[in-house]
């Protein structure tokens, strides 16, 4: 636990969660080295029917490895946005179809 406490001090904001197994993990919050990823910063743009489209980057979290922060966002690009009715929730929602989904490991510098 001492190593985890030291890591928390180095990383700043975040919280310790206990997994069902009893193992404790640190979930990184708003830390300068864990930025919100803007898809445009990653070049996730394309043109469709003469209109500029922007992809999506879902930040799956980060981990500290050898003094650097490793991000592993899930990237969606070249998708078609569709509206559908979610029967379970009883509401209309937006979704994505025909997309390319990848995980891009990114290392802080």
Foldseek 3Di string as FASTA:
>chain_A
DVVQVVVCVVFDDWDWDQDPVRDIDTFHDDGPQQDDDFQVVVVQWDADPNRIDGWDWAWPGWDADPRKIKTWIKTKHPWDKDWDQDPVVRGIDIDTPDIDIDIDIDIGD
